Amino acid sequence: MSETPRTQDATSVHREKLTFTETEALVELCGYGNSRLKLLERTAEVAVHLRGTEMTVEGEKARVSLAINALQQLYVFAQQGAGLASDDVVRAVNALRANADVELKSIFSDTIIKPKRGRPITPKSLRQKQYVDAVREADVVFGIGPAGTGKTYLAVALAVRMLQDKVVKRIVLTRPAVEAGERLGFLPGTLEEKVDPYLRPLFDALNEMLDYERARKLLDKGVIEVAPLAFMRGRTLNDSFVIFDEAQNSTPEQMKMLLTRLGFGSKAVITGDVTQSDLPSGNRSGLVDAQRVLGNVSGIRFCEFSDGDVVRHPLVMEVIRAYDARDRAREARLQAKEEP
């Protein structure tokens, strides 16, 4: 299926073999057209060769061990009749890369919610599992990191679950209506039409976890509220699960305003990426400011994700790293010019 990695001398390539006894489970592990094995090759950076029920994994020794560990644990899931998906391969490798001793079952079996359509929603990495546990335990949690790490999606899933379990009485989803080069006043339409593009990602996540009619009824009753950050001023939010998305686009004053809205029985999850602020040049980000001001406050948890926690297609991780490298190089050139 793959050639020996070109970056290594063929004589130094480490090889390990696996033999599988259950054909049906092996087919599930490999995926249609060996698609899951190809994903594993890319994610773990190894070469995989399949002949009958025997599999050979080649590459750097540590990477081969990582791939073997992932394959063995995923095969057990396949034997148990658990349906595997392509993203299971990616998240298995990422979780084991973070901690080789972790049992994938402890992550994969932590079901947050089961939508009527689609697969159960669970953490997809060790860091996501820690984030989910933090939200369950703490009243205020910051999820900080790049796109694709599941910060907002998991927060919405936890909010829906806590609403169903009657832990909270309502869900409030909010984000700043800020976008590069645009202002609400210059967009056509009513206020609702103007803010809809900013809030659409939250609607999409909500509709995936609740059927459309159910979500619409809860929205109409005010049990679920999706609104721009400006609508939060002057309110007290009791018995609510508040999700503040894209928090890097808030000012320190707006961040303080939102956090001081919390009433009794409420929980807040604040998500954002400090490297992606769309605030005008020179404006401080409320998310960056909160990291400095609230880092030692008891009862507030900070969960930081990295590009290694991205659970989208492996290429997304590579795209993030490429842009980060470009930005670091640009910053280094600017600093060199400023030095005397």
Protein backbone atom coordinates (compact mmCIF):
# COMPACT_ATOMS: atom_id res chain seq x y z
CA MET A 1 0.00 0.00 0.00
CA SER A 2 2.88 2.38 0.78
CA GLU A 3 6.53 2.74 -0.05
CA THR A 4 9.26 2.66 2.57
CA PRO A 5 9.58 6.22 3.96
CA ARG A 6 12.15 8.05 1.84
CA THR A 7 13.47 10.11 4.73
CA GLN A 8 15.18 7.05 6.27
CA ASP A 9 17.81 4.62 5.09
CA ALA A 10 16.00 1.38 4.19
CA THR A 11 18.37 -0.57 6.46
CA SER A 12 17.39 1.56 9.49
CA VAL A 13 13.63 1.23 9.03
CA HIS A 14 11.92 -0.49 11.94
CA ARG A 15 9.31 -3.12 11.09
CA GLU A 16 6.65 -4.83 13.15
CA LYS A 17 3.98 -7.31 12.11
CA LEU A 18 0.45 -7.91 13.31
CA THR A 19 -1.70 -10.94 12.52
CA PHE A 20 -5.48 -10.66 12.76
CA THR A 21 -7.76 -13.62 13.34
CA GLU A 22 -11.19 -12.13 12.57
CA THR A 23 -11.64 -11.12 8.97
CA GLU A 24 -14.81 -9.10 9.56
CA ALA A 25 -13.17 -7.02 12.30
CA LEU A 26 -10.10 -6.50 10.10
CA VAL A 27 -12.26 -5.19 7.25
CA GLU A 28 -13.90 -2.76 9.68
CA LEU A 29 -10.47 -1.65 10.92
CA CYS A 30 -9.10 -1.05 7.42
CA GLY A 31 -12.15 0.72 5.98
CA TYR A 32 -13.40 0.81 2.41
CA GLY A 33 -10.44 0.66 0.04
CA ASN A 34 -8.13 0.65 3.09
CA SER A 35 -9.06 4.28 3.66
CA ARG A 36 -8.51 4.08 7.43
CA LEU A 37 -5.08 2.52 7.01
CA LYS A 38 -4.13 5.37 4.68
CA LEU A 39 -5.25 7.87 7.31
CA LEU A 40 -3.23 6.04 9.93
CA GLU A 41 -0.16 6.19 7.66
CA ARG A 42 -0.50 9.93 7.29
CA THR A 43 -1.30 10.64 10.95
CA ALA A 44 1.32 8.35 12.51
CA GLU A 45 3.85 8.94 9.68
CA VAL A 46 4.47 5.27 8.96
CA ALA A 47 4.04 2.88 6.04
CA VAL A 48 1.51 0.06 6.30
CA HIS A 49 1.47 -3.07 4.11
CA LEU A 50 -1.47 -5.47 4.25
CA ARG A 51 -1.32 -9.01 2.88
CA GLY A 52 -4.27 -11.19 3.74
CA THR A 53 -4.68 -11.07 7.51
CA GLU A 54 -1.08 -9.99 8.14
CA MET A 55 -0.10 -6.34 8.46
CA THR A 56 3.43 -4.90 8.45
CA VAL A 57 4.10 -1.42 9.82
CA GLU A 58 7.36 0.32 8.87
CA GLY A 59 9.05 3.55 9.88
CA GLU A 60 10.85 5.17 12.77
CA LYS A 61 10.66 2.90 15.82
CA ALA A 62 8.65 5.27 18.04
CA ARG A 63 6.16 5.96 15.24
CA VAL A 64 5.76 2.26 14.51
CA SER A 65 5.06 1.59 18.19
CA LEU A 66 2.47 4.36 18.16
CA ALA A 67 0.75 2.93 15.07
CA ILE A 68 0.80 -0.63 16.44
CA ASN A 69 -0.74 0.55 19.72
CA ALA A 70 -3.52 2.37 17.84
CA LEU A 71 -4.21 -0.58 15.54
CA GLN A 72 -4.40 -3.08 18.39
CA GLN A 73 -6.82 -0.98 20.43
CA LEU A 74 -8.99 -0.09 17.43
CA TYR A 75 -9.12 -3.74 16.40
CA VAL A 76 -10.58 -4.60 19.81
CA PHE A 77 -13.36 -2.07 19.20
CA ALA A 78 -14.02 -3.63 15.79
CA GLN A 79 -14.17 -7.10 17.36
CA GLN A 80 -16.76 -5.84 19.84
CA GLY A 81 -18.96 -4.67 16.97
CA ALA A 82 -18.34 -0.97 17.55
CA GLY A 83 -18.61 0.85 14.23
CA LEU A 84 -15.42 2.73 13.41
CA ALA A 85 -15.16 5.96 11.46
CA SER A 86 -12.21 7.63 9.79
CA ASP A 87 -11.88 10.21 12.53
CA ASP A 88 -11.53 7.39 15.09
CA VAL A 89 -8.16 6.57 13.54
CA VAL A 90 -6.95 10.16 13.74
CA ARG A 91 -8.09 10.70 17.31
CA ALA A 92 -6.67 7.32 18.41
CA VAL A 93 -3.22 8.22 17.10
CA ASN A 94 -3.37 11.71 18.58
CA ALA A 95 -4.48 10.42 21.98
CA LEU A 96 -1.75 7.79 22.11
CA ARG A 97 0.84 10.28 20.92
CA ALA A 98 -0.03 12.43 23.93
CA ASN A 99 0.01 9.45 26.31
CA ALA A 100 1.11 6.02 25.12
CA ASP A 101 -0.42 4.38 28.20
CA VAL A 102 -3.91 5.78 27.76
CA GLU A 103 -6.76 3.33 27.22
CA LEU A 104 -8.77 4.56 24.25
CA LYS A 105 -11.87 3.01 25.78
CA SER A 106 -11.80 5.64 28.55
CA ILE A 107 -12.07 8.36 25.89
CA PHE A 108 -14.20 6.76 23.20
CA SER A 109 -16.81 5.38 25.61
CA ASP A 110 -17.48 8.73 27.33
CA THR A 111 -20.73 9.48 25.53
CA ILE A 112 -21.91 13.04 26.07
CA ILE A 113 -25.08 12.80 24.03
CA LYS A 114 -26.67 10.53 21.43
CA PRO A 115 -28.30 12.53 18.61
CA LYS A 116 -31.32 10.99 16.91
CA ARG A 117 -29.24 10.91 13.75
CA GLY A 118 -25.54 10.25 13.53
CA ARG A 119 -23.01 8.75 15.90
CA PRO A 120 -22.82 9.38 19.66
CA ILE A 121 -20.83 12.49 20.54
CA THR A 122 -17.74 11.67 22.59
CA PRO A 123 -14.35 13.29 23.23
CA LYS A 124 -12.01 12.71 20.30
CA SER A 125 -8.66 13.14 22.06
CA LEU A 126 -7.08 13.00 25.48
CA ARG A 127 -7.14 16.80 25.70
CA GLN A 128 -10.82 16.85 24.76
CA LYS A 129 -11.53 14.30 27.49
CA GLN A 130 -9.77 16.57 30.01
CA TYR A 131 -11.77 19.54 28.69
CA VAL A 132 -15.08 17.68 28.99
CA ASP A 133 -14.24 16.64 32.56
CA ALA A 134 -13.29 20.23 33.41
CA VAL A 135 -16.64 21.54 32.15
CA ARG A 136 -18.46 18.95 34.25
CA GLU A 137 -16.50 19.88 37.37
CA ALA A 138 -15.95 23.66 37.20
CA ASP A 139 -18.38 26.58 36.89
CA VAL A 140 -16.21 28.58 34.48
CA VAL A 141 -13.97 26.94 31.86
CA PHE A 142 -11.86 28.54 29.14
CA GLY A 143 -11.18 26.41 26.06
CA ILE A 144 -8.35 28.03 24.10
CA GLY A 145 -6.80 26.75 20.90
CA PRO A 146 -6.94 26.54 17.09
CA ALA A 147 -9.89 25.67 14.88
CA GLY A 148 -10.84 22.02 14.65
CA THR A 149 -10.13 21.09 18.27
CA GLY A 150 -13.83 20.74 19.16
CA LYS A 151 -13.97 23.48 21.80
CA THR A 152 -17.37 24.90 20.86
CA TYR A 153 -18.91 21.69 19.52
CA LEU A 154 -18.28 19.79 22.75
CA ALA A 155 -19.49 22.73 24.85
CA VAL A 156 -22.80 22.74 22.95
CA ALA A 157 -23.11 18.97 23.39
CA LEU A 158 -22.51 19.27 27.14
CA ALA A 159 -25.01 22.13 27.37
CA VAL A 160 -27.72 20.09 25.59
CA ARG A 161 -27.03 17.10 27.83
CA MET A 162 -27.25 19.21 31.01
CA LEU A 163 -30.48 20.75 29.75
CA GLN A 164 -31.94 17.30 29.12
CA ASP A 165 -30.81 16.15 32.57
CA LYS A 166 -32.37 19.29 34.12
CA VAL A 167 -29.04 20.39 35.57
CA VAL A 168 -29.70 23.78 33.93
CA LYS A 169 -32.95 25.37 32.78
CA ARG A 170 -31.66 27.08 29.67
CA ILE A 171 -28.76 27.46 27.27
CA VAL A 172 -27.36 30.82 26.20
CA LEU A 173 -25.07 30.85 23.16
CA THR A 174 -23.30 34.09 22.37
CA ARG A 175 -20.39 35.48 20.41
CA PRO A 176 -19.12 38.94 19.42
CA ALA A 177 -20.47 40.22 16.11
CA VAL A 178 -16.99 41.08 14.84
CA GLU A 179 -15.50 40.15 11.52
CA ALA A 180 -12.45 41.37 9.65
CA GLY A 181 -13.32 44.38 7.50
CA GLU A 182 -17.06 44.40 8.25
CA ARG A 183 -19.42 46.17 10.63
CA LEU A 184 -23.03 45.25 11.34
CA GLY A 185 -24.28 48.68 10.34
CA PHE A 186 -23.07 48.23 6.79
CA LEU A 187 -24.68 44.83 6.30
CA PRO A 188 -28.13 44.71 4.65
CA GLY A 189 -31.30 43.50 6.34
CA THR A 190 -32.83 43.46 9.81
CA LEU A 191 -30.77 43.02 12.97
CA GLU A 192 -31.59 39.29 13.02
CA GLU A 193 -30.44 38.96 9.41
CA LYS A 194 -27.27 40.91 10.18
CA VAL A 195 -26.18 38.77 13.11
CA ASP A 196 -27.22 35.42 11.62
CA PRO A 197 -23.87 34.85 9.78
CA TYR A 198 -21.98 35.37 13.04
CA LEU A 199 -24.14 32.96 14.99
CA ARG A 200 -24.62 30.35 12.25
CA PRO A 201 -21.87 27.98 13.56
CA LEU A 202 -23.71 27.78 16.89
CA PHE A 203 -27.04 27.08 15.13
CA ASP A 204 -25.36 24.35 13.07
CA ALA A 205 -23.96 22.59 16.15
CA LEU A 206 -27.31 22.87 17.91
CA ASN A 207 -29.29 21.44 14.99
CA GLU A 208 -26.91 18.50 14.75
CA MET A 209 -27.60 17.48 18.36
CA LEU A 210 -31.34 18.16 18.42
CA ASP A 211 -33.71 17.56 15.55
CA TYR A 212 -34.65 20.80 13.80
CA GLU A 213 -38.23 20.98 15.11
CA ARG A 214 -37.16 20.36 18.70
CA ALA A 215 -34.41 22.97 18.46
CA ARG A 216 -36.83 25.50 16.93
CA LYS A 217 -39.39 24.98 19.72
CA LEU A 218 -36.75 25.49 22.41
CA LEU A 219 -35.52 28.62 20.65
CA ASP A 220 -39.07 29.99 20.35
CA LYS A 221 -39.68 29.37 24.06
CA GLY A 222 -36.42 31.03 25.05
CA VAL A 223 -35.09 27.83 26.61
CA ILE A 224 -32.24 28.13 24.15
CA GLU A 225 -31.10 31.64 23.28
CA VAL A 226 -28.59 32.49 20.56
CA ALA A 227 -27.65 36.16 20.60
CA PRO A 228 -24.79 38.61 19.99
CA LEU A 229 -22.64 39.49 22.98
CA ALA A 230 -24.10 43.01 23.14
CA PHE A 231 -27.46 41.49 24.17
CA MET A 232 -25.94 40.16 27.42
CA ARG A 233 -25.38 43.57 29.04
CA GLY A 234 -27.42 44.30 32.18
CA ARG A 235 -28.73 40.74 32.62
CA THR A 236 -28.36 38.09 35.33
CA LEU A 237 -28.24 34.54 34.02
CA ASN A 238 -29.43 32.03 36.62
CA ASP A 239 -29.57 28.25 36.09
CA SER A 240 -28.02 28.71 32.65
CA PHE A 241 -25.31 27.08 30.59
CA VAL A 242 -23.58 29.99 28.87
CA ILE A 243 -21.27 29.44 25.90
CA PHE A 244 -19.20 32.43 24.82
CA ASP A 245 -17.71 31.57 21.43
CA GLU A 246 -14.98 33.41 19.48
CA ALA A 247 -14.00 35.17 22.70
CA GLN A 248 -10.74 36.42 21.18
CA ASN A 249 -12.87 39.03 19.40
CA SER A 250 -14.11 40.53 22.66
CA THR A 251 -12.53 43.44 24.52
CA PRO A 252 -11.45 43.11 28.18
CA GLU A 253 -14.51 45.16 29.15
CA GLN A 254 -16.84 42.83 27.23
CA MET A 255 -15.23 39.76 28.78
CA LYS A 256 -15.72 41.18 32.28
CA MET A 257 -19.31 42.07 31.41
CA LEU A 258 -20.10 38.54 30.25
CA LEU A 259 -18.48 36.79 33.21
CA THR A 260 -20.28 39.02 35.70
CA ARG A 261 -23.67 38.05 34.20
CA LEU A 262 -23.48 34.60 35.80
CA GLY A 263 -26.03 33.90 38.49
CA PHE A 264 -26.68 30.95 40.80
CA GLY A 265 -26.72 27.48 39.29
CA SER A 266 -25.00 28.65 36.12
CA LYS A 267 -22.00 27.44 34.19
CA ALA A 268 -19.95 29.25 31.55
CA VAL A 269 -17.65 27.95 28.83
CA ILE A 270 -15.54 30.54 27.00
CA THR A 271 -13.88 29.43 23.76
CA GLY A 272 -11.53 31.08 21.32
CA ASP A 273 -8.21 31.16 19.53
CA VAL A 274 -5.84 33.90 20.74
CA THR A 275 -4.00 33.83 17.38
CA GLN A 276 -7.11 34.67 15.34
CA SER A 277 -8.36 37.99 16.70
CA ASP A 278 -10.32 40.18 14.27
CA LEU A 279 -10.31 43.20 16.57
CA PRO A 280 -9.00 46.47 15.08
CA SER A 281 -5.24 46.86 15.30
CA GLY A 282 -4.12 48.04 18.72
CA ASN A 283 -7.18 46.69 20.60
CA ARG A 284 -6.50 44.20 23.38
CA SER A 285 -8.29 40.85 23.25
CA GLY A 286 -10.51 40.05 26.21
CA LEU A 287 -9.47 36.40 25.95
CA VAL A 288 -5.76 37.19 26.24
CA ASP A 289 -6.50 39.59 29.08
CA ALA A 290 -8.55 36.95 30.93
CA GLN A 291 -5.66 34.48 30.78
CA ARG A 292 -3.49 36.99 32.64
CA VAL A 293 -6.09 38.22 35.11
CA LEU A 294 -7.98 35.01 35.97
CA GLY A 295 -5.26 32.37 35.72
CA ASN A 296 -5.05 31.90 39.49
CA VAL A 297 -8.73 32.31 40.39
CA SER A 298 -10.09 29.24 42.19
CA GLY A 299 -13.04 27.67 40.39
CA ILE A 300 -11.92 28.80 36.93
CA ARG A 301 -10.22 26.24 34.67
CA PHE A 302 -8.15 26.90 31.56
CA CYS A 303 -7.86 24.12 28.95
CA GLU A 304 -5.37 24.85 26.19
CA PHE A 305 -5.39 22.97 22.89
CA SER A 306 -2.64 22.82 20.28
CA ASP A 307 -2.50 21.93 16.60
CA GLY A 308 -1.83 18.35 17.73
CA ASP A 309 -5.40 18.25 19.09
CA VAL A 310 -7.02 19.05 15.75
CA VAL A 311 -9.53 16.30 15.02
CA ARG A 312 -10.37 17.20 11.45
CA HIS A 313 -8.63 15.75 8.42
CA PRO A 314 -4.85 15.37 9.04
CA LEU A 315 -4.25 18.00 6.35
CA VAL A 316 -5.93 20.61 8.59
CA MET A 317 -3.19 20.09 11.18
CA GLU A 318 -0.55 20.50 8.49
CA VAL A 319 -2.23 23.69 7.22
CA ILE A 320 -2.25 25.16 10.74
CA ARG A 321 1.42 24.31 11.25
CA ALA A 322 2.39 25.77 7.88
CA TYR A 323 0.68 29.08 8.63
CA ASP A 324 2.15 29.16 12.15
CA ALA A 325 5.64 28.63 10.69
CA ARG A 326 5.04 31.43 8.19
CA ASP A 327 3.90 33.78 10.97
CA ARG A 328 6.90 32.93 13.17
CA ALA A 329 9.28 33.58 10.29
CA ARG A 330 7.59 36.89 9.53
CA GLU A 331 7.78 37.94 13.19
CA ALA A 332 11.47 37.00 13.33
CA ARG A 333 12.19 39.14 10.23
CA LEU A 334 10.37 42.11 11.75
CA GLN A 335 12.30 41.79 15.02
CA ALA A 336 15.57 41.57 13.11
CA LYS A 337 14.77 44.83 11.33
CA GLU A 338 13.96 46.58 14.63
CA GLU A 339 17.25 45.56 16.25
CA PRO A 340 20.01 48.20 15.97
